[in-house]
Amino acid sequence: MAVSGPDIAIKAADITLMRGDLNSVADAIIISRIKMNLFFAFIYNTVGIPIAAIG
């Protein structure tokens, strides 16, 4: 079975666009930033609130 150039590119890529719509890439970046901010806020509060309660 021969492997073509696009197949190699798809396997090597971090992200593969299934459609030609680049707006979905911008939406994915925005959503990932929101998720990352929520994660860091959760960690900050998990560590900060007990420290504030102690003293």
Protein backbone atom coordinates (compact mmCIF):
# COMPACT_ATOMS: atom_id res chain seq x y z
CA MET A 1 0.00 0.00 0.00
CA ALA A 2 1.52 3.28 -1.10
CA VAL A 3 1.34 6.29 1.17
CA SER A 4 0.69 9.60 -0.55
CA GLY A 5 1.88 13.06 0.42
CA PRO A 6 -1.41 14.25 1.93
CA ASP A 7 -1.60 11.11 4.08
CA ILE A 8 1.84 11.81 5.52
CA ALA A 9 0.92 15.45 6.14
CA ILE A 10 -2.29 14.47 7.94
CA LYS A 11 -0.46 12.04 10.20
CA ALA A 12 2.32 14.54 10.98
CA ALA A 13 0.02 17.51 11.65
CA ASP A 14 -1.11 18.61 15.10
CA ILE A 15 -4.40 19.83 13.64
CA THR A 16 -6.13 18.63 10.50
CA LEU A 17 -8.82 20.77 8.89
CA MET A 18 -11.71 18.68 7.67
CA ARG A 19 -13.38 21.68 6.04
CA GLY A 20 -12.07 24.77 4.31
CA ASP A 21 -13.63 27.05 6.94
CA LEU A 22 -10.89 28.88 8.85
CA ASN A 23 -13.39 30.50 11.24
CA SER A 24 -13.65 27.21 13.10
CA VAL A 25 -9.91 27.41 13.82
CA ALA A 26 -10.38 30.81 15.45
CA ASP A 27 -13.32 29.45 17.45
CA ALA A 28 -11.22 26.49 18.62
CA ILE A 29 -8.46 28.84 19.79
CA ILE A 30 -10.93 31.01 21.71
CA ILE A 31 -12.56 27.98 23.36
CA SER A 32 -9.18 26.52 24.30
CA ARG A 33 -8.15 29.81 25.93
CA ILE A 34 -11.38 29.88 27.92
CA LYS A 35 -10.83 26.30 29.09
CA MET A 36 -7.22 27.05 30.03
CA ASN A 37 -8.27 30.14 32.02
CA LEU A 38 -10.95 28.15 33.86
CA PHE A 39 -8.40 25.45 34.70
CA PHE A 40 -5.90 27.95 36.13
CA ALA A 41 -8.66 29.75 38.06
CA PHE A 42 -9.71 26.42 39.59
CA ILE A 43 -6.13 25.61 40.62
CA TYR A 44 -5.60 29.13 41.99
CA ASN A 45 -8.77 28.93 44.07
CA THR A 46 -8.03 25.38 45.22
CA VAL A 47 -4.66 26.50 46.56
CA GLY A 48 -5.52 30.06 47.57
CA ILE A 49 -8.70 29.57 49.58
CA PRO A 50 -7.21 27.08 52.08
CA ILE A 51 -4.14 29.30 52.50
CA ALA A 52 -6.39 32.32 53.14
CA ALA A 53 -8.47 30.31 55.62
CA ILE A 54 -5.37 29.25 57.56
CA GLY A 55 -4.14 32.67 58.05
